[in-house]
Full PDB file with SEQRES, HELIX, SHEET, SSBOND, CRYST1, ORIGX, SCALE, CONECT and MASTER records, all heavy atoms in Angstrom:
SEQRES   1 A   38  ASN ALA LYS ASN THR VAL TYR LEU GLN MET ASN SER LEU          
SEQRES   2 A   38  GLU PRO GLU ASP ALA ALA VAL TYR TYR CYS ALA GLN GLY          
SEQRES   3 A   38  LEU SER THR SER VAL TYR VAL ARG SER TYR ASP TYR              
HELIX    1 AA1 PRO A   15  ASP A   17  5                                   3    
HELIX    2 AA2 VAL A   33  SER A   35  5                                   3    
CRYST1    1.000    1.000    1.000  90.00  90.00  90.00 P 1           1          
ORIGX1      1.000000  0.000000  0.000000        0.00000                         
ORIGX2      0.000000  1.000000  0.000000        0.00000                         
ORIGX3      0.000000  0.000000  1.000000        0.00000                         
SCALE1      1.000000  0.000000  0.000000        0.00000                         
SCALE2      0.000000  1.000000  0.000000        0.00000                         
SCALE3      0.000000  0.000000  1.000000        0.00000                         
ATOM      1  N   ASN A   1       3.784   0.168  -2.696  1.00  0.00           N  
ATOM      2  CA  ASN A   1       5.011   0.956  -2.676  1.00  0.00           C  
ATOM      3  C   ASN A   1       5.175   1.820  -3.923  1.00  0.00           C  
ATOM      4  O   ASN A   1       5.858   2.840  -3.876  1.00  0.00           O  
ATOM      5  CB  ASN A   1       6.218   0.040  -2.497  1.00  0.00           C  
ATOM      6  CG  ASN A   1       6.368  -0.446  -1.073  1.00  0.00           C  
ATOM      7  OD1 ASN A   1       5.730   0.070  -0.163  1.00  0.00           O  
ATOM      8  ND2 ASN A   1       7.213  -1.438  -0.873  1.00  0.00           N  
ATOM      9  N   ALA A   2       4.571   1.406  -5.023  1.00  0.00           N  
ATOM     10  CA  ALA A   2       4.623   2.226  -6.220  1.00  0.00           C  
ATOM     11  C   ALA A   2       3.938   3.564  -6.000  1.00  0.00           C  
ATOM     12  O   ALA A   2       4.315   4.572  -6.598  1.00  0.00           O  
ATOM     13  CB  ALA A   2       3.994   1.498  -7.400  1.00  0.00           C  
ATOM     14  N   LYS A   3       2.922   3.574  -5.147  1.00  0.00           N  
ATOM     15  CA  LYS A   3       2.214   4.805  -4.805  1.00  0.00           C  
ATOM     16  C   LYS A   3       2.659   5.380  -3.470  1.00  0.00           C  
ATOM     17  O   LYS A   3       2.149   6.418  -3.051  1.00  0.00           O  
ATOM     18  CB  LYS A   3       0.705   4.553  -4.771  1.00  0.00           C  
ATOM     19  CG  LYS A   3       0.106   4.153  -6.105  1.00  0.00           C  
ATOM     20  CD  LYS A   3      -1.397   3.975  -5.995  1.00  0.00           C  
ATOM     21  CE  LYS A   3      -2.019   3.632  -7.332  1.00  0.00           C  
ATOM     22  NZ  LYS A   3      -3.492   3.462  -7.232  1.00  0.00           N  
ATOM     23  N   ASN A   4       3.586   4.690  -2.804  1.00  0.00           N  
ATOM     24  CA  ASN A   4       4.066   5.112  -1.492  1.00  0.00           C  
ATOM     25  C   ASN A   4       2.905   5.306  -0.517  1.00  0.00           C  
ATOM     26  O   ASN A   4       2.849   6.283   0.234  1.00  0.00           O  
ATOM     27  CB  ASN A   4       4.882   6.398  -1.603  1.00  0.00           C  
ATOM     28  CG  ASN A   4       6.069   6.414  -0.662  1.00  0.00           C  
ATOM     29  OD1 ASN A   4       6.295   5.479   0.102  1.00  0.00           O  
ATOM     30  ND2 ASN A   4       6.844   7.487  -0.707  1.00  0.00           N  
ATOM     31  N   THR A   5       2.000   4.355  -0.538  1.00  0.00           N  
ATOM     32  CA  THR A   5       0.773   4.455   0.235  1.00  0.00           C  
ATOM     33  C   THR A   5       0.517   3.164   1.001  1.00  0.00           C  
ATOM     34  O   THR A   5       0.690   2.073   0.458  1.00  0.00           O  
ATOM     35  CB  THR A   5      -0.430   4.762  -0.673  1.00  0.00           C  
ATOM     36  OG1 THR A   5      -0.207   6.001  -1.355  1.00  0.00           O  
ATOM     37  CG2 THR A   5      -1.708   4.866   0.133  1.00  0.00           C  
ATOM     38  N   VAL A   6       0.108   3.312   2.246  1.00  0.00           N  
ATOM     39  CA  VAL A   6      -0.301   2.198   3.087  1.00  0.00           C  
ATOM     40  C   VAL A   6      -1.798   2.307   3.324  1.00  0.00           C  
ATOM     41  O   VAL A   6      -2.333   3.407   3.505  1.00  0.00           O  
ATOM     42  CB  VAL A   6       0.466   2.197   4.418  1.00  0.00           C  
ATOM     43  CG1 VAL A   6      -0.080   1.124   5.358  1.00  0.00           C  
ATOM     44  CG2 VAL A   6       1.949   1.963   4.169  1.00  0.00           C  
ATOM     45  N   TYR A   7      -2.465   1.166   3.335  1.00  0.00           N  
ATOM     46  CA  TYR A   7      -3.912   1.135   3.473  1.00  0.00           C  
ATOM     47  C   TYR A   7      -4.317   0.394   4.735  1.00  0.00           C  
ATOM     48  O   TYR A   7      -3.674  -0.565   5.152  1.00  0.00           O  
ATOM     49  CB  TYR A   7      -4.562   0.451   2.273  1.00  0.00           C  
ATOM     50  CG  TYR A   7      -4.228   1.085   0.950  1.00  0.00           C  
ATOM     51  CD1 TYR A   7      -3.206   0.577   0.153  1.00  0.00           C  
ATOM     52  CD2 TYR A   7      -4.929   2.199   0.498  1.00  0.00           C  
ATOM     53  CE1 TYR A   7      -2.893   1.158  -1.059  1.00  0.00           C  
ATOM     54  CE2 TYR A   7      -4.618   2.787  -0.709  1.00  0.00           C  
ATOM     55  CZ  TYR A   7      -3.603   2.269  -1.490  1.00  0.00           C  
ATOM     56  OH  TYR A   7      -3.297   2.856  -2.690  1.00  0.00           O  
ATOM     57  N   LEU A   8      -5.398   0.839   5.315  1.00  0.00           N  
ATOM     58  CA  LEU A   8      -6.046   0.128   6.401  1.00  0.00           C  
ATOM     59  C   LEU A   8      -7.471  -0.160   5.959  1.00  0.00           C  
ATOM     60  O   LEU A   8      -8.309   0.747   5.922  1.00  0.00           O  
ATOM     61  CB  LEU A   8      -6.037   0.939   7.694  1.00  0.00           C  
ATOM     62  CG  LEU A   8      -6.765   0.317   8.891  1.00  0.00           C  
ATOM     63  CD1 LEU A   8      -6.088  -0.982   9.320  1.00  0.00           C  
ATOM     64  CD2 LEU A   8      -6.825   1.298  10.061  1.00  0.00           C  
ATOM     65  N   GLN A   9      -7.725  -1.401   5.584  1.00  0.00           N  
ATOM     66  CA  GLN A   9      -9.062  -1.820   5.189  1.00  0.00           C  
ATOM     67  C   GLN A   9      -9.822  -2.240   6.431  1.00  0.00           C  
ATOM     68  O   GLN A   9      -9.392  -3.146   7.143  1.00  0.00           O  
ATOM     69  CB  GLN A   9      -8.993  -2.976   4.190  1.00  0.00           C  
ATOM     70  CG  GLN A   9     -10.353  -3.500   3.742  1.00  0.00           C  
ATOM     71  CD  GLN A   9     -11.125  -2.504   2.919  1.00  0.00           C  
ATOM     72  OE1 GLN A   9     -10.586  -1.913   1.987  1.00  0.00           O  
ATOM     73  NE2 GLN A   9     -12.389  -2.288   3.263  1.00  0.00           N  
ATOM     74  N   MET A  10     -10.940  -1.603   6.680  1.00  0.00           N  
ATOM     75  CA  MET A  10     -11.732  -1.858   7.871  1.00  0.00           C  
ATOM     76  C   MET A  10     -13.098  -2.380   7.454  1.00  0.00           C  
ATOM     77  O   MET A  10     -13.873  -1.667   6.815  1.00  0.00           O  
ATOM     78  CB  MET A  10     -11.878  -0.590   8.714  1.00  0.00           C  
ATOM     79  CG  MET A  10     -10.549   0.044   9.104  1.00  0.00           C  
ATOM     80  SD  MET A  10     -10.745   1.464  10.219  1.00  0.00           S  
ATOM     81  CE  MET A  10     -11.612   2.597   9.121  1.00  0.00           C  
ATOM     82  N   ASN A  11     -13.372  -3.608   7.808  1.00  0.00           N  
ATOM     83  CA  ASN A  11     -14.654  -4.241   7.517  1.00  0.00           C  
ATOM     84  C   ASN A  11     -15.389  -4.537   8.813  1.00  0.00           C  
ATOM     85  O   ASN A  11     -14.798  -4.574   9.888  1.00  0.00           O  
ATOM     86  CB  ASN A  11     -14.441  -5.535   6.730  1.00  0.00           C  
ATOM     87  CG  ASN A  11     -13.773  -5.325   5.400  1.00  0.00           C  
ATOM     88  OD1 ASN A  11     -14.003  -4.322   4.723  1.00  0.00           O  
ATOM     89  ND2 ASN A  11     -12.939  -6.287   4.996  1.00  0.00           N  
ATOM     90  N   SER A  12     -16.674  -4.772   8.697  1.00  0.00           N  
ATOM     91  CA  SER A  12     -17.509  -5.097   9.853  1.00  0.00           C  
ATOM     92  C   SER A  12     -17.293  -4.108  10.990  1.00  0.00           C  
ATOM     93  O   SER A  12     -17.100  -4.486  12.150  1.00  0.00           O  
ATOM     94  CB  SER A  12     -17.229  -6.530  10.326  1.00  0.00           C  
ATOM     95  OG  SER A  12     -17.483  -7.463   9.298  1.00  0.00           O  
ATOM     96  N   LEU A  13     -17.331  -2.847  10.658  1.00  0.00           N  
ATOM     97  CA  LEU A  13     -17.055  -1.808  11.640  1.00  0.00           C  
ATOM     98  C   LEU A  13     -18.087  -1.806  12.758  1.00  0.00           C  
ATOM     99  O   LEU A  13     -19.275  -2.045  12.530  1.00  0.00           O  
ATOM    100  CB  LEU A  13     -17.006  -0.447  10.968  1.00  0.00           C  
ATOM    101  CG  LEU A  13     -15.700  -0.151  10.227  1.00  0.00           C  
ATOM    102  CD1 LEU A  13     -15.878   0.986   9.242  1.00  0.00           C  
ATOM    103  CD2 LEU A  13     -14.592   0.180  11.230  1.00  0.00           C  
ATOM    104  N   GLU A  14     -17.608  -1.534  13.938  1.00  0.00           N  
ATOM    105  CA  GLU A  14     -18.423  -1.484  15.137  1.00  0.00           C  
ATOM    106  C   GLU A  14     -18.340  -0.095  15.745  1.00  0.00           C  
ATOM    107  O   GLU A  14     -17.373   0.634  15.506  1.00  0.00           O  
ATOM    108  CB  GLU A  14     -17.938  -2.529  16.148  1.00  0.00           C  
ATOM    109  CG  GLU A  14     -17.906  -3.946  15.602  1.00  0.00           C  
ATOM    110  CD  GLU A  14     -17.178  -4.910  16.508  1.00  0.00           C  
ATOM    111  OE1 GLU A  14     -16.600  -4.452  17.526  1.00  0.00           O  
ATOM    112  OE2 GLU A  14     -17.190  -6.115  16.222  1.00  0.00           O  
ATOM    113  N   PRO A  15     -19.348   0.291  16.537  1.00  0.00           N  
ATOM    114  CA  PRO A  15     -19.270   1.606  17.186  1.00  0.00           C  
ATOM    115  C   PRO A  15     -18.004   1.801  18.002  1.00  0.00           C  
ATOM    116  O   PRO A  15     -17.499   2.926  18.107  1.00  0.00           O  
ATOM    117  CB  PRO A  15     -20.521   1.623  18.079  1.00  0.00           C  
ATOM    118  CG  PRO A  15     -21.486   0.736  17.370  1.00  0.00           C  
ATOM    119  CD  PRO A  15     -20.647  -0.363  16.774  1.00  0.00           C  
ATOM    120  N   GLU A  16     -17.476   0.729  18.557  1.00  0.00           N  
ATOM    121  CA  GLU A  16     -16.250   0.803  19.338  1.00  0.00           C  
ATOM    122  C   GLU A  16     -15.037   1.168  18.496  1.00  0.00           C  
ATOM    123  O   GLU A  16     -13.992   1.538  19.044  1.00  0.00           O  
ATOM    124  CB  GLU A  16     -15.991  -0.521  20.056  1.00  0.00           C  
ATOM    125  CG  GLU A  16     -17.014  -0.871  21.128  1.00  0.00           C  
ATOM    126  CD  GLU A  16     -18.328  -1.387  20.570  1.00  0.00           C  
ATOM    127  OE1 GLU A  16     -18.397  -1.731  19.373  1.00  0.00           O  
ATOM    128  OE2 GLU A  16     -19.312  -1.448  21.330  1.00  0.00           O  
ATOM    129  N   ASP A  17     -15.144   1.066  17.184  1.00  0.00           N  
ATOM    130  CA  ASP A  17     -14.045   1.415  16.296  1.00  0.00           C  
ATOM    131  C   ASP A  17     -13.977   2.908  16.014  1.00  0.00           C  
ATOM    132  O   ASP A  17     -13.008   3.368  15.400  1.00  0.00           O  
ATOM    133  CB  ASP A  17     -14.163   0.665  14.967  1.00  0.00           C  
ATOM    134  CG  ASP A  17     -14.069  -0.837  15.132  1.00  0.00           C  
ATOM    135  OD1 ASP A  17     -13.195  -1.302  15.889  1.00  0.00           O  
ATOM    136  OD2 ASP A  17     -14.874  -1.542  14.487  1.00  0.00           O  
ATOM    137  N   ALA A  18     -14.972   3.659  16.399  1.00  0.00           N  
ATOM    138  CA  ALA A  18     -14.996   5.089  16.129  1.00  0.00           C  
ATOM    139  C   ALA A  18     -13.835   5.777  16.835  1.00  0.00           C  
ATOM    140  O   ALA A  18     -13.623   5.592  18.038  1.00  0.00           O  
ATOM    141  CB  ALA A  18     -16.321   5.688  16.570  1.00  0.00           C  
ATOM    142  N   ALA A  19     -13.086   6.551  16.092  1.00  0.00           N  
ATOM    143  CA  ALA A  19     -11.913   7.222  16.629  1.00  0.00           C  
ATOM    144  C   ALA A  19     -11.285   8.058  15.523  1.00  0.00           C  
ATOM    145  O   ALA A  19     -11.676   7.976  14.359  1.00  0.00           O  
ATOM    146  CB  ALA A  19     -10.893   6.215  17.164  1.00  0.00           C  
ATOM    147  N   VAL A  20     -10.303   8.851  15.906  1.00  0.00           N  
ATOM    148  CA  VAL A  20      -9.410   9.449  14.930  1.00  0.00           C  
ATOM    149  C   VAL A  20      -8.294   8.449  14.670  1.00  0.00           C  
ATOM    150  O   VAL A  20      -7.649   7.979  15.605  1.00  0.00           O  
ATOM    151  CB  VAL A  20      -8.835  10.787  15.413  1.00  0.00           C  
ATOM    152  CG1 VAL A  20      -7.832  11.333  14.403  1.00  0.00           C  
ATOM    153  CG2 VAL A  20      -9.956  11.795  15.639  1.00  0.00           C  
ATOM    154  N   TYR A  21      -8.086   8.124  13.412  1.00  0.00           N  
ATOM    155  CA  TYR A  21      -7.073   7.152  13.041  1.00  0.00           C  
ATOM    156  C   TYR A  21      -5.843   7.861  12.506  1.00  0.00           C  
ATOM    157  O   TYR A  21      -5.941   8.761  11.671  1.00  0.00           O  
ATOM    158  CB  TYR A  21      -7.618   6.182  11.992  1.00  0.00           C  
ATOM    159  CG  TYR A  21      -8.515   5.124  12.586  1.00  0.00           C  
ATOM    160  CD1 TYR A  21      -9.783   5.449  13.049  1.00  0.00           C  
ATOM    161  CD2 TYR A  21      -8.084   3.802  12.703  1.00  0.00           C  
ATOM    162  CE1 TYR A  21     -10.603   4.487  13.620  1.00  0.00           C  
ATOM    163  CE2 TYR A  21      -8.897   2.835  13.265  1.00  0.00           C  
ATOM    164  CZ  TYR A  21     -10.156   3.179  13.721  1.00  0.00           C  
ATOM    165  OH  TYR A  21     -10.964   2.217  14.279  1.00  0.00           O  
ATOM    166  N   TYR A  22      -4.687   7.436  12.983  1.00  0.00           N  
ATOM    167  CA  TYR A  22      -3.411   8.016  12.609  1.00  0.00           C  
ATOM    168  C   TYR A  22      -2.502   6.957  12.013  1.00  0.00           C  
ATOM    169  O   TYR A  22      -2.492   5.816  12.471  1.00  0.00           O  
ATOM    170  CB  TYR A  22      -2.689   8.607  13.823  1.00  0.00           C  
ATOM    171  CG  TYR A  22      -3.429   9.702  14.543  1.00  0.00           C  
ATOM    172  CD1 TYR A  22      -4.327   9.404  15.558  1.00  0.00           C  
ATOM    173  CD2 TYR A  22      -3.206  11.037  14.224  1.00  0.00           C  
ATOM    174  CE1 TYR A  22      -4.998  10.404  16.237  1.00  0.00           C  
ATOM    175  CE2 TYR A  22      -3.871  12.039  14.890  1.00  0.00           C  
ATOM    176  CZ  TYR A  22      -4.767  11.723  15.900  1.00  0.00           C  
ATOM    177  OH  TYR A  22      -5.425  12.719  16.573  1.00  0.00           O  
ATOM    178  N   CYS A  23      -1.738   7.332  11.023  1.00  0.00           N  
ATOM    179  CA  CYS A  23      -0.650   6.492  10.575  1.00  0.00           C  
ATOM    180  C   CYS A  23       0.666   7.133  10.986  1.00  0.00           C  
ATOM    181  O   CYS A  23       0.755   8.343  11.190  1.00  0.00           O  
ATOM    182  CB  CYS A  23      -0.684   6.241   9.064  1.00  0.00           C  
ATOM    183  SG  CYS A  23      -0.376   7.677   8.017  1.00  0.00           S  
ATOM    184  N   ALA A  24       1.676   6.303  11.125  1.00  0.00           N  
ATOM    185  CA  ALA A  24       2.985   6.759  11.554  1.00  0.00           C  
ATOM    186  C   ALA A  24       4.053   5.883  10.924  1.00  0.00           C  
ATOM    187  O   ALA A  24       3.809   4.719  10.606  1.00  0.00           O  
ATOM    188  CB  ALA A  24       3.095   6.715  13.085  1.00  0.00           C  
ATOM    189  N   GLN A  25       5.237   6.447  10.753  1.00  0.00           N  
ATOM    190  CA  GLN A  25       6.352   5.700  10.198  1.00  0.00           C  
ATOM    191  C   GLN A  25       7.570   5.800  11.089  1.00  0.00           C  
ATOM    192  O   GLN A  25       7.834   6.840  11.694  1.00  0.00           O  
ATOM    193  CB  GLN A  25       6.704   6.183   8.792  1.00  0.00           C  
ATOM    194  CG  GLN A  25       5.705   5.761   7.736  1.00  0.00           C  
ATOM    195  CD  GLN A  25       6.223   5.956   6.322  1.00  0.00           C  
ATOM    196  OE1 GLN A  25       7.270   6.561   6.113  1.00  0.00           O  
ATOM    197  NE2 GLN A  25       5.489   5.440   5.355  1.00  0.00           N  
ATOM    198  N   GLY A  26       8.314   4.726  11.154  1.00  0.00           N  
ATOM    199  CA  GLY A  26       9.554   4.658  11.891  1.00  0.00           C  
ATOM    200  C   GLY A  26      10.539   3.772  11.159  1.00  0.00           C  
ATOM    201  O   GLY A  26      10.281   3.309  10.049  1.00  0.00           O  
ATOM    202  N   LEU A  27      11.666   3.523  11.796  1.00  0.00           N  
ATOM    203  CA  LEU A  27      12.703   2.730  11.151  1.00  0.00           C  
ATOM    204  C   LEU A  27      12.301   1.278  10.973  1.00  0.00           C  
ATOM    205  O   LEU A  27      12.820   0.598  10.093  1.00  0.00           O  
ATOM    206  CB  LEU A  27      14.000   2.815  11.955  1.00  0.00           C  
ATOM    207  CG  LEU A  27      14.663   4.189  12.001  1.00  0.00           C  
ATOM    208  CD1 LEU A  27      15.911   4.133  12.871  1.00  0.00           C  
ATOM    209  CD2 LEU A  27      15.011   4.663  10.598  1.00  0.00           C  
ATOM    210  N   SER A  28      11.391   0.793  11.797  1.00  0.00           N  
ATOM    211  CA  SER A  28      10.919  -0.574  11.692  1.00  0.00           C  
ATOM    212  C   SER A  28       9.537  -0.668  12.304  1.00  0.00           C  
ATOM    213  O   SER A  28       9.033   0.302  12.873  1.00  0.00           O  
ATOM    214  CB  SER A  28      11.891  -1.539  12.377  1.00  0.00           C  
ATOM    215  OG  SER A  28      11.991  -1.249  13.758  1.00  0.00           O  
ATOM    216  N   THR A  29       8.922  -1.828  12.200  1.00  0.00           N  
ATOM    217  CA  THR A  29       7.606  -2.012  12.782  1.00  0.00           C  
ATOM    218  C   THR A  29       7.692  -2.036  14.305  1.00  0.00           C  
ATOM    219  O   THR A  29       8.656  -2.523  14.882  1.00  0.00           O  
ATOM    220  CB  THR A  29       6.964  -3.309  12.291  1.00  0.00           C  
ATOM    221  OG1 THR A  29       7.820  -4.415  12.614  1.00  0.00           O  
ATOM    222  CG2 THR A  29       6.763  -3.263  10.786  1.00  0.00           C  
ATOM    223  N   SER A  30       6.666  -1.510  14.941  1.00  0.00           N  
ATOM    224  CA  SER A  30       6.645  -1.435  16.392  1.00  0.00           C  
ATOM    225  C   SER A  30       5.216  -1.219  16.865  1.00  0.00           C  
ATOM    226  O   SER A  30       4.379  -0.675  16.141  1.00  0.00           O  
ATOM    227  CB  SER A  30       7.537  -0.300  16.890  1.00  0.00           C  
ATOM    228  OG  SER A  30       7.443  -0.141  18.290  1.00  0.00           O  
ATOM    229  N   VAL A  31       4.940  -1.645  18.090  1.00  0.00           N  
ATOM    230  CA  VAL A  31       3.652  -1.395  18.728  1.00  0.00           C  
ATOM    231  C   VAL A  31       3.680  -0.131  19.576  1.00  0.00           C  
ATOM    232  O   VAL A  31       2.649   0.269  20.108  1.00  0.00           O  
ATOM    233  CB  VAL A  31       3.218  -2.587  19.601  1.00  0.00           C  
ATOM    234  CG1 VAL A  31       3.171  -3.867  18.785  1.00  0.00           C  
ATOM    235  CG2 VAL A  31       4.150  -2.760  20.796  1.00  0.00           C  
ATOM    236  N   TYR A  32       4.820   0.499  19.706  1.00  0.00           N  
ATOM    237  CA  TYR A  32       4.989   1.617  20.625  1.00  0.00           C  
ATOM    238  C   TYR A  32       4.926   2.952  19.912  1.00  0.00           C  
ATOM    239  O   TYR A  32       5.574   3.173  18.892  1.00  0.00           O  
ATOM    240  CB  TYR A  32       6.322   1.504  21.361  1.00  0.00           C  
ATOM    241  CG  TYR A  32       6.473   0.226  22.150  1.00  0.00           C  
ATOM    242  CD1 TYR A  32       7.383  -0.748  21.753  1.00  0.00           C  
ATOM    243  CD2 TYR A  32       5.708  -0.001  23.283  1.00  0.00           C  
ATOM    244  CE1 TYR A  32       7.524  -1.916  22.470  1.00  0.00           C  
ATOM    245  CE2 TYR A  32       5.841  -1.171  24.006  1.00  0.00           C  
ATOM    246  CZ  TYR A  32       6.750  -2.122  23.601  1.00  0.00           C  
ATOM    247  OH  TYR A  32       6.893  -3.286  24.309  1.00  0.00           O  
ATOM    248  N   VAL A  33       4.156   3.864  20.484  1.00  0.00           N  
ATOM    249  CA  VAL A  33       4.068   5.214  19.948  1.00  0.00           C  
ATOM    250  C   VAL A  33       5.444   5.849  19.861  1.00  0.00           C  
ATOM    251  O   VAL A  33       5.778   6.521  18.877  1.00  0.00           O  
ATOM    252  CB  VAL A  33       3.126   6.078  20.813  1.00  0.00           C  
ATOM    253  CG1 VAL A  33       3.232   7.550  20.426  1.00  0.00           C  
ATOM    254  CG2 VAL A  33       1.690   5.602  20.672  1.00  0.00           C  
ATOM    255  N   ARG A  34       6.257   5.651  20.882  1.00  0.00           N  
ATOM    256  CA  ARG A  34       7.566   6.294  20.947  1.00  0.00           C  
ATOM    257  C   ARG A  34       8.522   5.826  19.866  1.00  0.00           C  
ATOM    258  O   ARG A  34       9.546   6.470  19.635  1.00  0.00           O  
ATOM    259  CB  ARG A  34       8.198   6.057  22.315  1.00  0.00           C  
ATOM    260  CG  ARG A  34       8.538   4.598  22.602  1.00  0.00           C  
ATOM    261  CD  ARG A  34       9.239   4.475  23.953  1.00  0.00           C  
ATOM    262  NE  ARG A  34       9.667   3.113  24.226  1.00  0.00           N  
ATOM    263  CZ  ARG A  34       8.942   2.204  24.870  1.00  0.00           C  
ATOM    264  NH1 ARG A  34       7.729   2.528  25.317  1.00  0.00           N  
ATOM    265  NH2 ARG A  34       9.410   0.984  25.081  1.00  0.00           N  
ATOM    266  N   SER A  35       8.216   4.715  19.213  1.00  0.00           N  
ATOM    267  CA  SER A  35       9.102   4.182  18.192  1.00  0.00           C  
ATOM    268  C   SER A  35       8.937   4.864  16.842  1.00  0.00           C  
ATOM    269  O   SER A  35       9.751   4.649  15.950  1.00  0.00           O  
ATOM    270  CB  SER A  35       8.868   2.685  18.021  1.00  0.00           C  
ATOM    271  OG  SER A  35       9.166   1.981  19.214  1.00  0.00           O  
ATOM    272  N   TYR A  36       7.904   5.653  16.691  1.00  0.00           N  
ATOM    273  CA  TYR A  36       7.601   6.262  15.406  1.00  0.00           C  
ATOM    274  C   TYR A  36       8.049   7.718  15.361  1.00  0.00           C  
ATOM    275  O   TYR A  36       7.828   8.480  16.307  1.00  0.00           O  
ATOM    276  CB  TYR A  36       6.108   6.137  15.100  1.00  0.00           C  
ATOM    277  CG  TYR A  36       5.703   4.710  14.874  1.00  0.00           C  
ATOM    278  CD1 TYR A  36       5.258   3.916  15.920  1.00  0.00           C  
ATOM    279  CD2 TYR A  36       5.789   4.140  13.604  1.00  0.00           C  
ATOM    280  CE1 TYR A  36       4.907   2.590  15.715  1.00  0.00           C  
ATOM    281  CE2 TYR A  36       5.434   2.820  13.391  1.00  0.00           C  
ATOM    282  CZ  TYR A  36       4.997   2.050  14.451  1.00  0.00           C  
ATOM    283  OH  TYR A  36       4.645   0.731  14.242  1.00  0.00           O  
ATOM    284  N   ASP A  37       8.651   8.071  14.254  1.00  0.00           N  
ATOM    285  CA  ASP A  37       9.232   9.396  14.093  1.00  0.00           C  
ATOM    286  C   ASP A  37       8.318  10.379  13.383  1.00  0.00           C  
ATOM    287  O   ASP A  37       8.413  11.586  13.608  1.00  0.00           O  
ATOM    288  CB  ASP A  37      10.548   9.296  13.302  1.00  0.00           C  
ATOM    289  CG  ASP A  37      11.569   8.410  13.982  1.00  0.00           C  
ATOM    290  OD1 ASP A  37      11.850   8.634  15.175  1.00  0.00           O  
ATOM    291  OD2 ASP A  37      12.099   7.495  13.318  1.00  0.00           O  
ATOM    292  N   TYR A  38       7.458   9.884  12.533  1.00  0.00           N  
ATOM    293  CA  TYR A  38       6.617  10.741  11.712  1.00  0.00           C  
ATOM    294  C   TYR A  38       5.165  10.328  11.847  1.00  0.00           C  
ATOM    295  O   TYR A  38       4.843   9.139  11.855  1.00  0.00           O  
ATOM    296  CB  TYR A  38       7.052  10.671  10.243  1.00  0.00           C  
ATOM    297  CG  TYR A  38       8.522  10.931  10.046  1.00  0.00           C  
ATOM    298  CD1 TYR A  38       9.405   9.882   9.833  1.00  0.00           C  
ATOM    299  CD2 TYR A  38       9.024  12.224  10.090  1.00  0.00           C  
ATOM    300  CE1 TYR A  38      10.753  10.111   9.668  1.00  0.00           C  
ATOM    301  CE2 TYR A  38      10.375  12.462   9.932  1.00  0.00           C  
ATOM    302  CZ  TYR A  38      11.234  11.404   9.720  1.00  0.00           C  
ATOM    303  OH  TYR A  38      12.578  11.636   9.558  1.00  0.00           O  
TER     304      TYR A  38                                                      
MASTER        0    0    0    2    0    0    0    6  303    1    0    3          
END                                                                             
C-alpha cells in the first residue's frame, strides 16, 4: 500500500496460463467482472 501497488506472483507457469492479464479495482473484492469499476 505504500507503493499503491498490487502484485500477482506466478510460479510454475504452464502454457495454459498464457493470456493477457488485467487488474481491476472496485469497492470490495469480487469474482465478477461487473463488480469492478476500473
